[in-house]
């Protein structure tokens, strides 16, 4: 799948000689090859797998209610200096985290972006109910590979554009609509889109 959002992102990052990238999906040799071909340093932290599979290690019971253990979850990210990343690819992560945890999740991730850095993710449209178990990777810098898109029902309501705007206040935001009932979202840390 050709990605207009990634075309825009890489154009924006064209002057970054050695981008530093965090991929929040399962490691993919195609992704690593594509990014290293661009001269990137690549970090991988599979944040998607545990939430796709409902890993009980990231849930606690508080007052007889299940509560997502975000701090334990974010500990899966390797040691990355703050404000050092050029690009974070989160795929459908925001669709798989409880809504009351999204602000803290985004604050943690966006703190890793350097000035001019880009946070990239998918958000499903409300009519896209299945696809929770999808796996995404870079075939090239602007072309994505995917599998398992139609499997698994998303556990939470779709995140609206207004919610994303609130969650990323102080950042520039650009949304690209796709034919697959997804929005590709690009959040730019400081600067204008």
C-alpha atoms as a PDB file:
ATOM      1  CA  UNK A   1       0.000   0.000   0.000  1.00  0.00           C
ATOM      2  CA  UNK A   2       1.424   3.372  -1.029  1.00  0.00           C
ATOM      3  CA  UNK A   3       1.348   5.852   1.853  1.00  0.00           C
ATOM      4  CA  UNK A   4       0.786   9.526   1.157  1.00  0.00           C
ATOM      5  CA  UNK A   5       1.534  10.311   4.796  1.00  0.00           C
ATOM      6  CA  UNK A   6       4.913   8.570   4.688  1.00  0.00           C
ATOM      7  CA  UNK A   7       5.735  10.257   1.385  1.00  0.00           C
ATOM      8  CA  UNK A   8       5.085  13.558   3.106  1.00  0.00           C
ATOM      9  CA  UNK A   9       7.028  12.541   6.244  1.00  0.00           C
ATOM     10  CA  UNK A  10      10.146  11.438   4.366  1.00  0.00           C
ATOM     11  CA  UNK A  11      10.018  14.550   2.220  1.00  0.00           C
ATOM     12  CA  UNK A  12       9.877  16.602   5.413  1.00  0.00           C
ATOM     13  CA  UNK A  13      12.790  14.593   6.872  1.00  0.00           C
ATOM     14  CA  UNK A  14      14.862  14.750   3.677  1.00  0.00           C
ATOM     15  CA  UNK A  15      17.532  16.974   5.259  1.00  0.00           C
ATOM     16  CA  UNK A  16      17.959  14.686   8.289  1.00  0.00           C
ATOM     17  CA  UNK A  17      21.204  12.907   7.441  1.00  0.00           C
ATOM     18  CA  UNK A  18      20.863   9.992   9.866  1.00  0.00           C
ATOM     19  CA  UNK A  19      17.286   9.700  11.114  1.00  0.00           C
ATOM     20  CA  UNK A  20      16.653   7.828  14.345  1.00  0.00           C
ATOM     21  CA  UNK A  21      13.479   5.738  14.170  1.00  0.00           C
ATOM     22  CA  UNK A  22      11.366   3.825  16.695  1.00  0.00           C
ATOM     23  CA  UNK A  23       9.115   1.129  15.213  1.00  0.00           C
ATOM     24  CA  UNK A  24       6.429   0.127  17.732  1.00  0.00           C
ATOM     25  CA  UNK A  25       5.516  -3.055  15.831  1.00  0.00           C
ATOM     26  CA  UNK A  26       7.117  -6.485  15.641  1.00  0.00           C
ATOM     27  CA  UNK A  27      10.577  -6.450  14.110  1.00  0.00           C
ATOM     28  CA  UNK A  28      10.535  -6.867  10.332  1.00  0.00           C
ATOM     29  CA  UNK A  29      13.628  -7.438   8.226  1.00  0.00           C
ATOM     30  CA  UNK A  30      11.972  -5.495   5.369  1.00  0.00           C
ATOM     31  CA  UNK A  31      11.430  -2.480   7.668  1.00  0.00           C
ATOM     32  CA  UNK A  32      14.972  -2.594   9.022  1.00  0.00           C
ATOM     33  CA  UNK A  33      16.380  -2.938   5.483  1.00  0.00           C
ATOM     34  CA  UNK A  34      14.306  -0.001   4.165  1.00  0.00           C
ATOM     35  CA  UNK A  35      15.238   2.253   7.088  1.00  0.00           C
ATOM     36  CA  UNK A  36      18.908   1.320   7.100  1.00  0.00           C
ATOM     37  CA  UNK A  37      18.952   2.017   3.354  1.00  0.00           C
ATOM     38  CA  UNK A  38      18.017   5.575   4.337  1.00  0.00           C
ATOM     39  CA  UNK A  39      20.911   5.632   6.829  1.00  0.00           C
ATOM     40  CA  UNK A  40      18.609   5.390   9.845  1.00  0.00           C
ATOM     41  CA  UNK A  41      19.359   4.072  13.287  1.00  0.00           C
ATOM     42  CA  UNK A  42      16.455   1.774  14.142  1.00  0.00           C
ATOM     43  CA  UNK A  43      14.959   0.937  17.529  1.00  0.00           C
ATOM     44  CA  UNK A  44      12.218  -1.683  17.732  1.00  0.00           C
ATOM     45  CA  UNK A  45       9.819  -2.047  20.651  1.00  0.00           C
ATOM     46  CA  UNK A  46       6.941  -4.396  19.927  1.00  0.00           C
ATOM     47  CA  UNK A  47       4.193  -2.539  21.730  1.00  0.00           C
ATOM     48  CA  UNK A  48       1.494  -3.881  19.429  1.00  0.00           C
ATOM     49  CA  UNK A  49       1.874  -7.594  20.165  1.00  0.00           C
ATOM     50  CA  UNK A  50       0.977  -7.425  23.867  1.00  0.00           C
ATOM     51  CA  UNK A  51      -2.133  -5.289  23.324  1.00  0.00           C
ATOM     52  CA  UNK A  52      -3.255  -7.269  20.298  1.00  0.00           C
ATOM     53  CA  UNK A  53      -3.025 -10.466  22.341  1.00  0.00           C
ATOM     54  CA  UNK A  54      -4.465  -8.970  25.546  1.00  0.00           C
ATOM     55  CA  UNK A  55      -1.315  -9.897  27.497  1.00  0.00           C
ATOM     56  CA  UNK A  56      -2.398 -10.101  31.182  1.00  0.00           C
ATOM     57  CA  UNK A  57       1.075  -8.910  32.284  1.00  0.00           C
ATOM     58  CA  UNK A  58      -0.063  -5.351  31.516  1.00  0.00           C
ATOM     59  CA  UNK A  59      -3.310  -5.400  33.454  1.00  0.00           C
ATOM     60  CA  UNK A  60      -3.887  -4.885  37.182  1.00  0.00           C
ATOM     61  CA  UNK A  61      -7.030  -5.144  39.263  1.00  0.00           C
ATOM     62  CA  UNK A  62      -7.772  -1.965  41.201  1.00  0.00           C
ATOM     63  CA  UNK A  63     -11.007  -1.752  43.196  1.00  0.00           C
ATOM     64  CA  UNK A  64     -12.239  -4.847  41.346  1.00  0.00           C
ATOM     65  CA  UNK A  65     -11.703  -3.106  37.976  1.00  0.00           C
ATOM     66  CA  UNK A  66      -9.120  -4.017  35.339  1.00  0.00           C
ATOM     67  CA  UNK A  67      -6.605  -1.170  34.855  1.00  0.00           C
ATOM     68  CA  UNK A  68      -4.017  -1.033  32.095  1.00  0.00           C
ATOM     69  CA  UNK A  69      -0.470  -0.860  33.558  1.00  0.00           C
ATOM     70  CA  UNK A  70       0.906   1.791  31.203  1.00  0.00           C
ATOM     71  CA  UNK A  71       4.197   2.295  33.058  1.00  0.00           C
ATOM     72  CA  UNK A  72       5.021  -1.417  32.789  1.00  0.00           C
ATOM     73  CA  UNK A  73       3.959  -1.347  29.150  1.00  0.00           C
ATOM     74  CA  UNK A  74       6.178   1.640  28.292  1.00  0.00           C
ATOM     75  CA  UNK A  75       9.114  -0.138  29.960  1.00  0.00           C
ATOM     76  CA  UNK A  76       9.190  -2.311  26.801  1.00  0.00           C
ATOM     77  CA  UNK A  77      10.757   0.624  24.961  1.00  0.00           C
ATOM     78  CA  UNK A  78      14.558   0.390  24.876  1.00  0.00           C
ATOM     79  CA  UNK A  79      16.690   3.128  26.460  1.00  0.00           C
ATOM     80  CA  UNK A  80      16.311   6.044  24.068  1.00  0.00           C
ATOM     81  CA  UNK A  81      17.602   9.500  24.975  1.00  0.00           C
ATOM     82  CA  UNK A  82      14.782  12.051  25.301  1.00  0.00           C
ATOM     83  CA  UNK A  83      14.210  14.302  22.276  1.00  0.00           C
ATOM     84  CA  UNK A  84      16.413  12.141  20.033  1.00  0.00           C
ATOM     85  CA  UNK A  85      14.026  10.427  17.607  1.00  0.00           C
ATOM     86  CA  UNK A  86      13.248  11.618  14.097  1.00  0.00           C
ATOM     87  CA  UNK A  87      10.303   9.279  13.509  1.00  0.00           C
ATOM     88  CA  UNK A  88       8.041   7.054  15.615  1.00  0.00           C
ATOM     89  CA  UNK A  89       5.801   4.540  13.815  1.00  0.00           C
ATOM     90  CA  UNK A  90       2.945   3.413  16.063  1.00  0.00           C
ATOM     91  CA  UNK A  91       0.646   1.779  13.509  1.00  0.00           C
ATOM     92  CA  UNK A  92      -2.745   1.083  15.229  1.00  0.00           C
ATOM     93  CA  UNK A  93      -1.424   1.409  18.793  1.00  0.00           C
ATOM     94  CA  UNK A  94      -3.793   4.253  19.730  1.00  0.00           C
ATOM     95  CA  UNK A  95      -6.761   2.077  18.727  1.00  0.00           C
ATOM     96  CA  UNK A  96      -5.623  -0.672  21.118  1.00  0.00           C
ATOM     97  CA  UNK A  97      -4.985   1.273  24.332  1.00  0.00           C
ATOM     98  CA  UNK A  98      -7.791   2.283  26.729  1.00  0.00           C
ATOM     99  CA  UNK A  99      -8.875   5.854  26.000  1.00  0.00           C
ATOM    100  CA  UNK A 100      -8.105   7.068  29.516  1.00  0.00           C
ATOM    101  CA  UNK A 101      -4.452   6.064  28.993  1.00  0.00           C
ATOM    102  CA  UNK A 102      -3.886   7.739  25.606  1.00  0.00           C
ATOM    103  CA  UNK A 103      -2.695  11.102  26.964  1.00  0.00           C
ATOM    104  CA  UNK A 104       0.004   9.476  29.121  1.00  0.00           C
ATOM    105  CA  UNK A 105       1.005   7.120  26.303  1.00  0.00           C
ATOM    106  CA  UNK A 106       1.393   9.999  23.859  1.00  0.00           C
ATOM    107  CA  UNK A 107       3.236  12.167  26.388  1.00  0.00           C
ATOM    108  CA  UNK A 108       5.744   9.368  26.924  1.00  0.00           C
ATOM    109  CA  UNK A 109       6.270   8.745  23.222  1.00  0.00           C
ATOM    110  CA  UNK A 110       6.299  12.376  22.091  1.00  0.00           C
ATOM    111  CA  UNK A 111       8.962  13.165  24.718  1.00  0.00           C
ATOM    112  CA  UNK A 112      11.288  10.917  22.702  1.00  0.00           C
ATOM    113  CA  UNK A 113      10.891  13.021  19.527  1.00  0.00           C
ATOM    114  CA  UNK A 114      13.459  15.663  18.720  1.00  0.00           C
ATOM    115  CA  UNK A 115      12.400  19.028  17.339  1.00  0.00           C
ATOM    116  CA  UNK A 116      11.061  18.481  13.837  1.00  0.00           C
ATOM    117  CA  UNK A 117      10.427  14.819  14.649  1.00  0.00           C
ATOM    118  CA  UNK A 118       7.370  12.970  13.377  1.00  0.00           C
ATOM    119  CA  UNK A 119       4.922  10.661  15.135  1.00  0.00           C
ATOM    120  CA  UNK A 120       3.110   8.469  12.579  1.00  0.00           C
ATOM    121  CA  UNK A 121       0.113   6.232  13.248  1.00  0.00           C
ATOM    122  CA  UNK A 122      -3.087   4.796  11.859  1.00  0.00           C
ATOM    123  CA  UNK A 123      -6.481   5.502  13.340  1.00  0.00           C
ATOM    124  CA  UNK A 124      -9.463   3.465  12.312  1.00  0.00           C
ATOM    125  CA  UNK A 125     -12.701   4.981  11.178  1.00  0.00           C
ATOM    126  CA  UNK A 126     -15.701   4.043  13.377  1.00  0.00           C
ATOM    127  CA  UNK A 127     -17.086   1.738  10.657  1.00  0.00           C
ATOM    128  CA  UNK A 128     -13.860  -0.341  10.645  1.00  0.00           C
ATOM    129  CA  UNK A 129     -14.529  -2.796  13.466  1.00  0.00           C
ATOM    130  CA  UNK A 130     -12.028  -5.543  12.591  1.00  0.00           C
ATOM    131  CA  UNK A 131      -8.305  -5.341  11.995  1.00  0.00           C
ATOM    132  CA  UNK A 132      -6.949  -5.337  15.547  1.00  0.00           C
ATOM    133  CA  UNK A 133      -4.502  -8.134  14.746  1.00  0.00           C
ATOM    134  CA  UNK A 134      -2.996  -6.519  11.653  1.00  0.00           C
ATOM    135  CA  UNK A 135       0.754  -6.399  11.226  1.00  0.00           C
ATOM    136  CA  UNK A 136       2.389  -3.563   9.288  1.00  0.00           C
ATOM    137  CA  UNK A 137       5.884  -2.966   7.939  1.00  0.00           C
ATOM    138  CA  UNK A 138       7.843  -0.896   5.439  1.00  0.00           C
ATOM    139  CA  UNK A 139       8.302  -2.477   2.022  1.00  0.00           C
ATOM    140  CA  UNK A 140      10.047   0.773   1.090  1.00  0.00           C
ATOM    141  CA  UNK A 141      10.088   4.139   2.817  1.00  0.00           C
ATOM    142  CA  UNK A 142       6.736   5.034   1.259  1.00  0.00           C
ATOM    143  CA  UNK A 143       5.129   1.625   0.683  1.00  0.00           C
ATOM    144  CA  UNK A 144       3.675  -0.527   3.437  1.00  0.00           C
ATOM    145  CA  UNK A 145       3.184  -4.251   3.671  1.00  0.00           C
ATOM    146  CA  UNK A 146       0.377  -5.702   5.775  1.00  0.00           C
ATOM    147  CA  UNK A 147      -1.144  -8.967   6.913  1.00  0.00           C
ATOM    148  CA  UNK A 148      -4.009  -9.968   9.188  1.00  0.00           C
ATOM    149  CA  UNK A 149      -5.893  -6.733   8.560  1.00  0.00           C
ATOM    150  CA  UNK A 150      -9.358  -8.268   8.768  1.00  0.00           C
ATOM    151  CA  UNK A 151      -8.801 -10.208  11.981  1.00  0.00           C
ATOM    152  CA  UNK A 152      -9.749  -9.302  15.529  1.00  0.00           C
ATOM    153  CA  UNK A 153     -12.305  -6.741  16.653  1.00  0.00           C
ATOM    154  CA  UNK A 154     -10.944  -3.435  17.972  1.00  0.00           C
ATOM    155  CA  UNK A 155     -11.574  -3.314  21.737  1.00  0.00           C
ATOM    156  CA  UNK A 156     -12.289   0.426  22.129  1.00  0.00           C
ATOM    157  CA  UNK A 157     -14.283   3.108  20.311  1.00  0.00           C
ATOM    158  CA  UNK A 158     -12.511   4.823  17.418  1.00  0.00           C
ATOM    159  CA  UNK A 159     -10.363   7.811  18.392  1.00  0.00           C
ATOM    160  CA  UNK A 160     -11.791  10.951  16.761  1.00  0.00           C
ATOM    161  CA  UNK A 161      -9.796  13.644  14.995  1.00  0.00           C
ATOM    162  CA  UNK A 162     -10.813  16.082  17.741  1.00  0.00           C
ATOM    163  CA  UNK A 163      -9.453  13.730  20.412  1.00  0.00           C
ATOM    164  CA  UNK A 164      -6.133  13.488  18.576  1.00  0.00           C
ATOM    165  CA  UNK A 165      -5.985  17.285  18.300  1.00  0.00           C
ATOM    166  CA  UNK A 166      -6.504  17.580  22.063  1.00  0.00           C
ATOM    167  CA  UNK A 167      -3.957  14.864  22.816  1.00  0.00           C
ATOM    168  CA  UNK A 168      -1.344  16.552  20.633  1.00  0.00           C
ATOM    169  CA  UNK A 169      -2.033  20.191  21.538  1.00  0.00           C
ATOM    170  CA  UNK A 170       1.074  22.257  20.837  1.00  0.00           C
ATOM    171  CA  UNK A 171       2.095  20.029  17.911  1.00  0.00           C
ATOM    172  CA  UNK A 172       1.230  20.294  14.233  1.00  0.00           C
ATOM    173  CA  UNK A 173      -1.119  17.626  12.930  1.00  0.00           C
ATOM    174  CA  UNK A 174      -1.921  16.385   9.452  1.00  0.00           C
ATOM    175  CA  UNK A 175      -4.393  13.599   8.626  1.00  0.00           C
ATOM    176  CA  UNK A 176      -4.472  11.584   5.400  1.00  0.00           C
ATOM    177  CA  UNK A 177      -7.624   9.619   4.577  1.00  0.00           C
ATOM    178  CA  UNK A 178      -7.259   6.188   2.990  1.00  0.00           C
ATOM    179  CA  UNK A 179      -9.608   3.917   1.098  1.00  0.00           C
ATOM    180  CA  UNK A 180      -9.164   1.207   3.744  1.00  0.00           C
ATOM    181  CA  UNK A 181     -11.255   3.114   6.358  1.00  0.00           C
ATOM    182  CA  UNK A 182      -8.141   4.298   8.159  1.00  0.00           C
ATOM    183  CA  UNK A 183      -6.662   7.679   8.756  1.00  0.00           C
ATOM    184  CA  UNK A 184      -2.906   8.052   8.562  1.00  0.00           C
ATOM    185  CA  UNK A 185      -1.948  10.643  11.137  1.00  0.00           C
ATOM    186  CA  UNK A 186       1.288  12.627  11.131  1.00  0.00           C
ATOM    187  CA  UNK A 187       2.129  14.667  14.217  1.00  0.00           C
ATOM    188  CA  UNK A 188       5.046  17.085  13.878  1.00  0.00           C
ATOM    189  CA  UNK A 189       6.894  18.208  16.977  1.00  0.00           C
ATOM    190  CA  UNK A 190       7.174  22.005  16.611  1.00  0.00           C
ATOM    191  CA  UNK A 191       7.014  23.657  13.263  1.00  0.00           C
ATOM    192  CA  UNK A 192       4.252  23.805  10.704  1.00  0.00           C
ATOM    193  CA  UNK A 193       2.920  21.285   8.269  1.00  0.00           C
END
